[in-house]
Amino acid sequence: MSRVVFECLAAGRPLIASRVGVVPEALEDGAHAVLVPAGDAAALAAALTRLLGDAAARARLGAAGRAILERRYSGARLAEALESRYARLLAPGA
């Protein structure tokens, strides 16, 4: 995911993102972000209009985005994953 996506999630802001790269695999549409087809200006405009008119949805998406970021990509989580990989590489017979 791009740095901008991570920054938005970390700030607890509602995210509208294109369905490109790993974004649709990492974030669930409607749960963590609003995902729109890449290059679809009408879908982007509709998503913006919908969020601008729904403060509760903005708050919910912002909180859910931050929560998934903390769960999956926190420094502690990344350190655990890296340590686990090193342990497998250094294990006898690896």
PDB file of N, CA and C in Angstrom:
ATOM      1  N   MET A   1       0.850  -1.177   0.000  1.00  0.00           N
ATOM      2  CA  MET A   1       0.000   0.000   0.000  1.00  0.00           C
ATOM      3  C   MET A   1       0.888   1.229   0.000  1.00  0.00           C
ATOM      4  N   SER A   2       0.336   2.301  -0.482  1.00  0.00           N
ATOM      5  CA  SER A   2       1.117   3.532  -0.553  1.00  0.00           C
ATOM      6  C   SER A   2       1.261   4.173   0.822  1.00  0.00           C
ATOM      7  N   ARG A   3       2.256   5.006   0.943  1.00  0.00           N
ATOM      8  CA  ARG A   3       2.486   5.730   2.194  1.00  0.00           C
ATOM      9  C   ARG A   3       1.282   6.596   2.535  1.00  0.00           C
ATOM     10  N   VAL A   4       0.651   7.178   1.533  1.00  0.00           N
ATOM     11  CA  VAL A   4      -0.506   8.048   1.764  1.00  0.00           C
ATOM     12  C   VAL A   4      -1.646   7.261   2.410  1.00  0.00           C
ATOM     13  N   VAL A   5      -1.861   6.027   1.966  1.00  0.00           N
ATOM     14  CA  VAL A   5      -2.902   5.192   2.567  1.00  0.00           C
ATOM     15  C   VAL A   5      -2.575   4.952   4.037  1.00  0.00           C
ATOM     16  N   PHE A   6      -1.330   4.580   4.335  1.00  0.00           N
ATOM     17  CA  PHE A   6      -0.928   4.364   5.725  1.00  0.00           C
ATOM     18  C   PHE A   6      -1.089   5.635   6.558  1.00  0.00           C
ATOM     19  N   GLU A   7      -0.713   6.771   6.009  1.00  0.00           N
ATOM     20  CA  GLU A   7      -0.836   8.037   6.741  1.00  0.00           C
ATOM     21  C   GLU A   7      -2.295   8.350   7.057  1.00  0.00           C
ATOM     22  N   CYS A   8      -3.166   8.126   6.098  1.00  0.00           N
ATOM     23  CA  CYS A   8      -4.588   8.386   6.305  1.00  0.00           C
ATOM     24  C   CYS A   8      -5.144   7.475   7.395  1.00  0.00           C
ATOM     25  N   LEU A   9      -4.816   6.198   7.331  1.00  0.00           N
ATOM     26  CA  LEU A   9      -5.275   5.253   8.343  1.00  0.00           C
ATOM     27  C   LEU A   9      -4.725   5.621   9.715  1.00  0.00           C
ATOM     28  N   ALA A  10      -3.449   5.962   9.778  1.00  0.00           N
ATOM     29  CA  ALA A  10      -2.821   6.315  11.056  1.00  0.00           C
ATOM     30  C   ALA A  10      -3.454   7.551  11.672  1.00  0.00           C
ATOM     31  N   ALA A  11      -3.903   8.468  10.835  1.00  0.00           N
ATOM     32  CA  ALA A  11      -4.529   9.698  11.324  1.00  0.00           C
ATOM     33  C   ALA A  11      -5.984   9.482  11.724  1.00  0.00           C
ATOM     34  N   GLY A  12      -6.513   8.292  11.458  1.00  0.00           N
ATOM     35  CA  GLY A  12      -7.904   8.021  11.804  1.00  0.00           C
ATOM     36  C   GLY A  12      -8.891   8.757  10.918  1.00  0.00           C
ATOM     37  N   ARG A  13      -8.477   9.043   9.704  1.00  0.00           N
ATOM     38  CA  ARG A  13      -9.331   9.764   8.757  1.00  0.00           C
ATOM     39  C   ARG A  13     -10.040   8.769   7.848  1.00  0.00           C
ATOM     40  N   PRO A  14     -11.249   9.082   7.411  1.00  0.00           N
ATOM     41  CA  PRO A  14     -11.917   8.179   6.469  1.00  0.00           C
ATOM     42  C   PRO A  14     -11.153   8.149   5.155  1.00  0.00           C
ATOM     43  N   LEU A  15     -11.036   6.976   4.582  1.00  0.00           N
ATOM     44  CA  LEU A  15     -10.230   6.788   3.384  1.00  0.00           C
ATOM     45  C   LEU A  15     -11.101   6.391   2.204  1.00  0.00           C
ATOM     46  N   ILE A  16     -10.912   7.082   1.096  1.00  0.00           N
ATOM     47  CA  ILE A  16     -11.461   6.665  -0.192  1.00  0.00           C
ATOM     48  C   ILE A  16     -10.252   6.322  -1.040  1.00  0.00           C
ATOM     49  N   ALA A  17     -10.206   5.092  -1.530  1.00  0.00           N
ATOM     50  CA  ALA A  17      -9.039   4.636  -2.290  1.00  0.00           C
ATOM     51  C   ALA A  17      -9.482   3.858  -3.517  1.00  0.00           C
ATOM     52  N   SER A  18      -8.613   3.844  -4.506  1.00  0.00           N
ATOM     53  CA  SER A  18      -8.865   3.054  -5.710  1.00  0.00           C
ATOM     54  C   SER A  18      -8.565   1.587  -5.441  1.00  0.00           C
ATOM     55  N   ARG A  19      -9.289   0.726  -6.113  1.00  0.00           N
ATOM     56  CA  ARG A  19      -9.052  -0.722  -6.024  1.00  0.00           C
ATOM     57  C   ARG A  19      -7.852  -1.085  -6.896  1.00  0.00           C
ATOM     58  N   VAL A  20      -6.666  -0.796  -6.392  1.00  0.00           N
ATOM     59  CA  VAL A  20      -5.434  -1.105  -7.117  1.00  0.00           C
ATOM     60  C   VAL A  20      -4.450  -1.763  -6.157  1.00  0.00           C
ATOM     61  N   GLY A  21      -3.518  -2.525  -6.717  1.00  0.00           N
ATOM     62  CA  GLY A  21      -2.486  -3.151  -5.897  1.00  0.00           C
ATOM     63  C   GLY A  21      -3.080  -4.025  -4.813  1.00  0.00           C
ATOM     64  N   VAL A  22      -2.511  -3.922  -3.624  1.00  0.00           N
ATOM     65  CA  VAL A  22      -2.962  -4.750  -2.505  1.00  0.00           C
ATOM     66  C   VAL A  22      -4.072  -4.098  -1.693  1.00  0.00           C
ATOM     67  N   VAL A  23      -4.473  -2.894  -2.066  1.00  0.00           N
ATOM     68  CA  VAL A  23      -5.495  -2.182  -1.291  1.00  0.00           C
ATOM     69  C   VAL A  23      -6.754  -3.028  -1.095  1.00  0.00           C
ATOM     70  N   PRO A  24      -7.342  -3.621  -2.152  1.00  0.00           N
ATOM     71  CA  PRO A  24      -8.558  -4.403  -1.925  1.00  0.00           C
ATOM     72  C   PRO A  24      -8.332  -5.680  -1.110  1.00  0.00           C
ATOM     73  N   GLU A  25      -7.100  -6.161  -1.068  1.00  0.00           N
ATOM     74  CA  GLU A  25      -6.797  -7.332  -0.247  1.00  0.00           C
ATOM     75  C   GLU A  25      -6.632  -6.943   1.221  1.00  0.00           C
ATOM     76  N   ALA A  26      -6.140  -5.744   1.470  1.00  0.00           N
ATOM     77  CA  ALA A  26      -5.834  -5.312   2.828  1.00  0.00           C
ATOM     78  C   ALA A  26      -6.994  -4.605   3.514  1.00  0.00           C
ATOM     79  N   LEU A  27      -7.835  -3.942   2.744  1.00  0.00           N
ATOM     80  CA  LEU A  27      -8.922  -3.147   3.313  1.00  0.00           C
ATOM     81  C   LEU A  27     -10.257  -3.601   2.744  1.00  0.00           C
ATOM     82  N   GLU A  28     -11.234  -3.758   3.612  1.00  0.00           N
ATOM     83  CA  GLU A  28     -12.564  -4.181   3.180  1.00  0.00           C
ATOM     84  C   GLU A  28     -13.414  -2.953   2.867  1.00  0.00           C
ATOM     85  N   ASP A  29     -13.984  -2.953   1.677  1.00  0.00           N
ATOM     86  CA  ASP A  29     -14.836  -1.848   1.248  1.00  0.00           C
ATOM     87  C   ASP A  29     -16.021  -1.704   2.198  1.00  0.00           C
ATOM     88  N   GLY A  30     -16.205  -0.500   2.705  1.00  0.00           N
ATOM     89  CA  GLY A  30     -17.312  -0.231   3.610  1.00  0.00           C
ATOM     90  C   GLY A  30     -17.010  -0.508   5.066  1.00  0.00           C
ATOM     91  N   ALA A  31     -15.966  -1.272   5.331  1.00  0.00           N
ATOM     92  CA  ALA A  31     -15.598  -1.571   6.713  1.00  0.00           C
ATOM     93  C   ALA A  31     -14.416  -0.730   7.168  1.00  0.00           C
ATOM     94  N   HIS A  32     -13.368  -0.656   6.327  1.00  0.00           N
ATOM     95  CA  HIS A  32     -12.154   0.087   6.683  1.00  0.00           C
ATOM     96  C   HIS A  32     -11.945   1.305   5.797  1.00  0.00           C
ATOM     97  N   ALA A  33     -12.572   1.303   4.636  1.00  0.00           N
ATOM     98  CA  ALA A  33     -12.393   2.370   3.649  1.00  0.00           C
ATOM     99  C   ALA A  33     -13.524   2.268   2.635  1.00  0.00           C
ATOM    100  N   VAL A  34     -13.617   3.273   1.790  1.00  0.00           N
ATOM    101  CA  VAL A  34     -14.506   3.198   0.635  1.00  0.00           C
ATOM    102  C   VAL A  34     -13.599   2.971  -0.565  1.00  0.00           C
ATOM    103  N   LEU A  35     -13.809   1.864  -1.258  1.00  0.00           N
ATOM    104  CA  LEU A  35     -12.976   1.522  -2.406  1.00  0.00           C
ATOM    105  C   LEU A  35     -13.755   1.773  -3.687  1.00  0.00           C
ATOM    106  N   VAL A  36     -13.101   2.432  -4.627  1.00  0.00           N
ATOM    107  CA  VAL A  36     -13.735   2.749  -5.907  1.00  0.00           C
ATOM    108  C   VAL A  36     -12.859   2.208  -7.034  1.00  0.00           C
ATOM    109  N   PRO A  37     -13.467   1.918  -8.184  1.00  0.00           N
ATOM    110  CA  PRO A  37     -12.664   1.460  -9.318  1.00  0.00           C
ATOM    111  C   PRO A  37     -11.672   2.538  -9.754  1.00  0.00           C
ATOM    112  N   ALA A  38     -10.473   2.124 -10.091  1.00  0.00           N
ATOM    113  CA  ALA A  38      -9.450   3.069 -10.559  1.00  0.00           C
ATOM    114  C   ALA A  38      -9.940   3.762 -11.823  1.00  0.00           C
ATOM    115  N   GLY A  39      -9.771   5.065 -11.872  1.00  0.00           N
ATOM    116  CA  GLY A  39     -10.127   5.836 -13.054  1.00  0.00           C
ATOM    117  C   GLY A  39     -11.600   6.157 -13.188  1.00  0.00           C
ATOM    118  N   ASP A  40     -12.416   5.767 -12.231  1.00  0.00           N
ATOM    119  CA  ASP A  40     -13.861   6.002 -12.303  1.00  0.00           C
ATOM    120  C   ASP A  40     -14.213   7.277 -11.539  1.00  0.00           C
ATOM    121  N   ALA A  41     -14.214   8.392 -12.243  1.00  0.00           N
ATOM    122  CA  ALA A  41     -14.468   9.693 -11.620  1.00  0.00           C
ATOM    123  C   ALA A  41     -15.864   9.761 -11.013  1.00  0.00           C
ATOM    124  N   ALA A  42     -16.842   9.150 -11.664  1.00  0.00           N
ATOM    125  CA  ALA A  42     -18.213   9.183 -11.146  1.00  0.00           C
ATOM    126  C   ALA A  42     -18.308   8.435  -9.815  1.00  0.00           C
ATOM    127  N   ALA A  43     -17.645   7.290  -9.719  1.00  0.00           N
ATOM    128  CA  ALA A  43     -17.653   6.526  -8.469  1.00  0.00           C
ATOM    129  C   ALA A  43     -16.938   7.294  -7.361  1.00  0.00           C
ATOM    130  N   LEU A  44     -15.841   7.954  -7.702  1.00  0.00           N
ATOM    131  CA  LEU A  44     -15.117   8.763  -6.724  1.00  0.00           C
ATOM    132  C   LEU A  44     -15.986   9.914  -6.237  1.00  0.00           C
ATOM    133  N   ALA A  45     -16.652  10.602  -7.161  1.00  0.00           N
ATOM    134  CA  ALA A  45     -17.528  11.718  -6.791  1.00  0.00           C
ATOM    135  C   ALA A  45     -18.675  11.237  -5.909  1.00  0.00           C
ATOM    136  N   ALA A  46     -19.246  10.086  -6.239  1.00  0.00           N
ATOM    137  CA  ALA A  46     -20.343   9.543  -5.437  1.00  0.00           C
ATOM    138  C   ALA A  46     -19.869   9.191  -4.030  1.00  0.00           C
ATOM    139  N   ALA A  47     -18.679   8.598  -3.926  1.00  0.00           N
ATOM    140  CA  ALA A  47     -18.132   8.243  -2.615  1.00  0.00           C
ATOM    141  C   ALA A  47     -17.861   9.493  -1.784  1.00  0.00           C
ATOM    142  N   LEU A  48     -17.296  10.506  -2.405  1.00  0.00           N
ATOM    143  CA  LEU A  48     -17.041  11.769  -1.702  1.00  0.00           C
ATOM    144  C   LEU A  48     -18.342  12.398  -1.221  1.00  0.00           C
ATOM    145  N   THR A  49     -19.334  12.445  -2.086  1.00  0.00           N
ATOM    146  CA  THR A  49     -20.630  13.029  -1.732  1.00  0.00           C
ATOM    147  C   THR A  49     -21.264  12.259  -0.581  1.00  0.00           C
ATOM    148  N   ARG A  50     -21.211  10.930  -0.667  1.00  0.00           N
ATOM    149  CA  ARG A  50     -21.792  10.092   0.379  1.00  0.00           C
ATOM    150  C   ARG A  50     -21.112  10.354   1.724  1.00  0.00           C
ATOM    151  N   LEU A  51     -19.788  10.400   1.739  1.00  0.00           N
ATOM    152  CA  LEU A  51     -19.085  10.620   3.006  1.00  0.00           C
ATOM    153  C   LEU A  51     -19.255  12.041   3.529  1.00  0.00           C
ATOM    154  N   LEU A  52     -19.280  13.006   2.635  1.00  0.00           N
ATOM    155  CA  LEU A  52     -19.473  14.389   3.081  1.00  0.00           C
ATOM    156  C   LEU A  52     -20.799  14.562   3.802  1.00  0.00           C
ATOM    157  N   GLY A  53     -21.801  13.790   3.421  1.00  0.00           N
ATOM    158  CA  GLY A  53     -23.115  13.909   4.035  1.00  0.00           C
ATOM    159  C   GLY A  53     -23.356  12.981   5.201  1.00  0.00           C
ATOM    160  N   ASP A  54     -22.363  12.216   5.612  1.00  0.00           N
ATOM    161  CA  ASP A  54     -22.572  11.213   6.657  1.00  0.00           C
ATOM    162  C   ASP A  54     -21.425  11.232   7.667  1.00  0.00           C
ATOM    163  N   ALA A  55     -21.564  12.083   8.672  1.00  0.00           N
ATOM    164  CA  ALA A  55     -20.520  12.230   9.691  1.00  0.00           C
ATOM    165  C   ALA A  55     -20.285  10.926  10.448  1.00  0.00           C
ATOM    166  N   ALA A  56     -21.344  10.172  10.700  1.00  0.00           N
ATOM    167  CA  ALA A  56     -21.194   8.910  11.431  1.00  0.00           C
ATOM    168  C   ALA A  56     -20.353   7.917  10.628  1.00  0.00           C
ATOM    169  N   ALA A  57     -20.580   7.854   9.331  1.00  0.00           N
ATOM    170  CA  ALA A  57     -19.790   6.952   8.480  1.00  0.00           C
ATOM    171  C   ALA A  57     -18.333   7.388   8.450  1.00  0.00           C
ATOM    172  N   ARG A  58     -18.094   8.696   8.397  1.00  0.00           N
ATOM    173  CA  ARG A  58     -16.710   9.185   8.412  1.00  0.00           C
ATOM    174  C   ARG A  58     -16.012   8.767   9.700  1.00  0.00           C
ATOM    175  N   ALA A  59     -16.698   8.939  10.818  1.00  0.00           N
ATOM    176  CA  ALA A  59     -16.110   8.579  12.112  1.00  0.00           C
ATOM    177  C   ALA A  59     -15.872   7.074  12.204  1.00  0.00           C
ATOM    178  N   ARG A  60     -16.847   6.286  11.751  1.00  0.00           N
ATOM    179  CA  ARG A  60     -16.731   4.825  11.808  1.00  0.00           C
ATOM    180  C   ARG A  60     -15.583   4.332  10.938  1.00  0.00           C
ATOM    181  N   LEU A  61     -15.499   4.830   9.710  1.00  0.00           N
ATOM    182  CA  LEU A  61     -14.420   4.413   8.808  1.00  0.00           C
ATOM    183  C   LEU A  61     -13.053   4.836   9.339  1.00  0.00           C
ATOM    184  N   GLY A  62     -12.974   6.053   9.880  1.00  0.00           N
ATOM    185  CA  GLY A  62     -11.706   6.522  10.434  1.00  0.00           C
ATOM    186  C   GLY A  62     -11.230   5.652  11.583  1.00  0.00           C
ATOM    187  N   ALA A  63     -12.149   5.321  12.492  1.00  0.00           N
ATOM    188  CA  ALA A  63     -11.788   4.484  13.641  1.00  0.00           C
ATOM    189  C   ALA A  63     -11.431   3.065  13.203  1.00  0.00           C
ATOM    190  N   ALA A  64     -12.197   2.511  12.269  1.00  0.00           N
ATOM    191  CA  ALA A  64     -11.925   1.145  11.799  1.00  0.00           C
ATOM    192  C   ALA A  64     -10.609   1.079  11.031  1.00  0.00           C
ATOM    193  N   GLY A  65     -10.325   2.098  10.250  1.00  0.00           N
ATOM    194  CA  GLY A  65      -9.065   2.136   9.515  1.00  0.00           C
ATOM    195  C   GLY A  65      -7.872   2.190  10.450  1.00  0.00           C
ATOM    196  N   ARG A  66      -7.968   3.033  11.469  1.00  0.00           N
ATOM    197  CA  ARG A  66      -6.869   3.120  12.436  1.00  0.00           C
ATOM    198  C   ARG A  66      -6.701   1.798  13.183  1.00  0.00           C
ATOM    199  N   ALA A  67      -7.814   1.176  13.543  1.00  0.00           N
ATOM    200  CA  ALA A  67      -7.750  -0.088  14.280  1.00  0.00           C
ATOM    201  C   ALA A  67      -7.075  -1.183  13.451  1.00  0.00           C
ATOM    202  N   ILE A  68      -7.420  -1.285  12.173  1.00  0.00           N
ATOM    203  CA  ILE A  68      -6.801  -2.334  11.348  1.00  0.00           C
ATOM    204  C   ILE A  68      -5.321  -2.040  11.131  1.00  0.00           C
ATOM    205  N   LEU A  69      -4.974  -0.775  11.026  1.00  0.00           N
ATOM    206  CA  LEU A  69      -3.564  -0.410  10.887  1.00  0.00           C
ATOM    207  C   LEU A  69      -2.790  -0.842  12.127  1.00  0.00           C
ATOM    208  N   GLU A  70      -3.331  -0.545  13.296  1.00  0.00           N
ATOM    209  CA  GLU A  70      -2.654  -0.907  14.539  1.00  0.00           C
ATOM    210  C   GLU A  70      -2.564  -2.420  14.703  1.00  0.00           C
ATOM    211  N   ARG A  71      -3.598  -3.131  14.293  1.00  0.00           N
ATOM    212  CA  ARG A  71      -3.619  -4.587  14.426  1.00  0.00           C
ATOM    213  C   ARG A  71      -2.634  -5.262  13.482  1.00  0.00           C
ATOM    214  N   ARG A  72      -2.597  -4.817  12.235  1.00  0.00           N
ATOM    215  CA  ARG A  72      -1.799  -5.507  11.224  1.00  0.00           C
ATOM    216  C   ARG A  72      -0.409  -4.930  10.998  1.00  0.00           C
ATOM    217  N   TYR A  73      -0.248  -3.636  11.220  1.00  0.00           N
ATOM    218  CA  TYR A  73       0.988  -2.981  10.787  1.00  0.00           C
ATOM    219  C   TYR A  73       1.697  -2.199  11.881  1.00  0.00           C
ATOM    220  N   SER A  74       1.385  -2.441  13.135  1.00  0.00           N
ATOM    221  CA  SER A  74       2.069  -1.721  14.209  1.00  0.00           C
ATOM    222  C   SER A  74       3.540  -2.116  14.223  1.00  0.00           C
ATOM    223  N   GLY A  75       4.355  -1.294  14.829  1.00  0.00           N
ATOM    224  CA  GLY A  75       5.777  -1.601  14.940  1.00  0.00           C
ATOM    225  C   GLY A  75       6.008  -2.933  15.631  1.00  0.00           C
ATOM    226  N   ALA A  76       5.253  -3.193  16.692  1.00  0.00           N
ATOM    227  CA  ALA A  76       5.404  -4.455  17.419  1.00  0.00           C
ATOM    228  C   ALA A  76       5.027  -5.638  16.535  1.00  0.00           C
ATOM    229  N   ARG A  77       3.962  -5.501  15.772  1.00  0.00           N
ATOM    230  CA  ARG A  77       3.512  -6.588  14.885  1.00  0.00           C
ATOM    231  C   ARG A  77       4.549  -6.855  13.798  1.00  0.00           C
ATOM    232  N   LEU A  78       5.076  -5.803  13.206  1.00  0.00           N
ATOM    233  CA  LEU A  78       6.087  -5.971  12.167  1.00  0.00           C
ATOM    234  C   LEU A  78       7.371  -6.567  12.732  1.00  0.00           C
ATOM    235  N   ALA A  79       7.748  -6.155  13.948  1.00  0.00           N
ATOM    236  CA  ALA A  79       8.942  -6.717  14.587  1.00  0.00           C
ATOM    237  C   ALA A  79       8.754  -8.208  14.868  1.00  0.00           C
ATOM    238  N   GLU A  80       7.559  -8.594  15.324  1.00  0.00           N
ATOM    239  CA  GLU A  80       7.278 -10.013  15.561  1.00  0.00           C
ATOM    240  C   GLU A  80       7.395 -10.821  14.272  1.00  0.00           C
ATOM    241  N   ALA A  81       6.846 -10.301  13.191  1.00  0.00           N
ATOM    242  CA  ALA A  81       6.900 -11.005  11.904  1.00  0.00           C
ATOM    243  C   ALA A  81       8.339 -11.151  11.429  1.00  0.00           C
ATOM    244  N   LEU A  82       9.128 -10.098  11.575  1.00  0.00           N
ATOM    245  CA  LEU A  82      10.529 -10.145  11.157  1.00  0.00           C
ATOM    246  C   LEU A  82      11.316 -11.131  12.017  1.00  0.00           C
ATOM    247  N   GLU A  83      11.087 -11.100  13.315  1.00  0.00           N
ATOM    248  CA  GLU A  83      11.768 -12.026  14.217  1.00  0.00           C
ATOM    249  C   GLU A  83      11.410 -13.475  13.876  1.00  0.00           C
ATOM    250  N   SER A  84      10.160 -13.716  13.566  1.00  0.00           N
ATOM    251  CA  SER A  84       9.720 -15.062  13.199  1.00  0.00           C
ATOM    252  C   SER A  84      10.404 -15.538  11.917  1.00  0.00           C
ATOM    253  N   ARG A  85      10.540 -14.666  10.958  1.00  0.00           N
ATOM    254  CA  ARG A  85      11.212 -15.034   9.708  1.00  0.00           C
ATOM    255  C   ARG A  85      12.686 -15.343   9.938  1.00  0.00           C
ATOM    256  N   TYR A  86      13.346 -14.503  10.734  1.00  0.00           N
ATOM    257  CA  TYR A  86      14.754 -14.764  11.042  1.00  0.00           C
ATOM    258  C   TYR A  86      14.909 -16.095  11.771  1.00  0.00           C
ATOM    259  N   ALA A  87      14.013 -16.374  12.701  1.00  0.00           N
ATOM    260  CA  ALA A  87      14.089 -17.633  13.449  1.00  0.00           C
ATOM    261  C   ALA A  87      13.969 -18.827  12.508  1.00  0.00           C
ATOM    262  N   ARG A  88      13.069 -18.740  11.523  1.00  0.00           N
ATOM    263  CA  ARG A  88      12.931 -19.839  10.553  1.00  0.00           C
ATOM    264  C   ARG A  88      14.186 -19.973   9.701  1.00  0.00           C
ATOM    265  N   LEU A  89      14.766 -18.861   9.302  1.00  0.00           N
ATOM    266  CA  LEU A  89      15.969 -18.901   8.465  1.00  0.00           C
ATOM    267  C   LEU A  89      17.178 -19.443   9.215  1.00  0.00           C
ATOM    268  N   LEU A  90      17.246 -19.162  10.511  1.00  0.00           N
ATOM    269  CA  LEU A  90      18.393 -19.579  11.313  1.00  0.00           C
ATOM    270  C   LEU A  90      18.208 -20.943  11.964  1.00  0.00           C
ATOM    271  N   ALA A  91      17.035 -21.528  11.821  1.00  0.00           N
ATOM    272  CA  ALA A  91      16.763 -22.829  12.433  1.00  0.00           C
ATOM    273  C   ALA A  91      17.633 -23.906  11.785  1.00  0.00           C
ATOM    274  N   PRO A  92      18.046 -24.896  12.565  1.00  0.00           N
ATOM    275  CA  PRO A  92      18.835 -25.998  12.002  1.00  0.00           C
ATOM    276  C   PRO A  92      18.080 -26.649  10.839  1.00  0.00           C
ATOM    277  N   GLY A  93      18.793 -26.905   9.772  1.00  0.00           N
ATOM    278  CA  GLY A  93      18.192 -27.540   8.608  1.00  0.00           C
ATOM    279  C   GLY A  93      17.468 -26.585   7.681  1.00  0.00           C
ATOM    280  N   ALA A  94      17.522 -25.303   7.981  1.00  0.00           N
ATOM    281  CA  ALA A  94      16.824 -24.330   7.125  1.00  0.00           C
ATOM    282  C   ALA A  94      17.588 -24.075   5.847  1.00  0.00           C
TER     283      ALA A  94
END
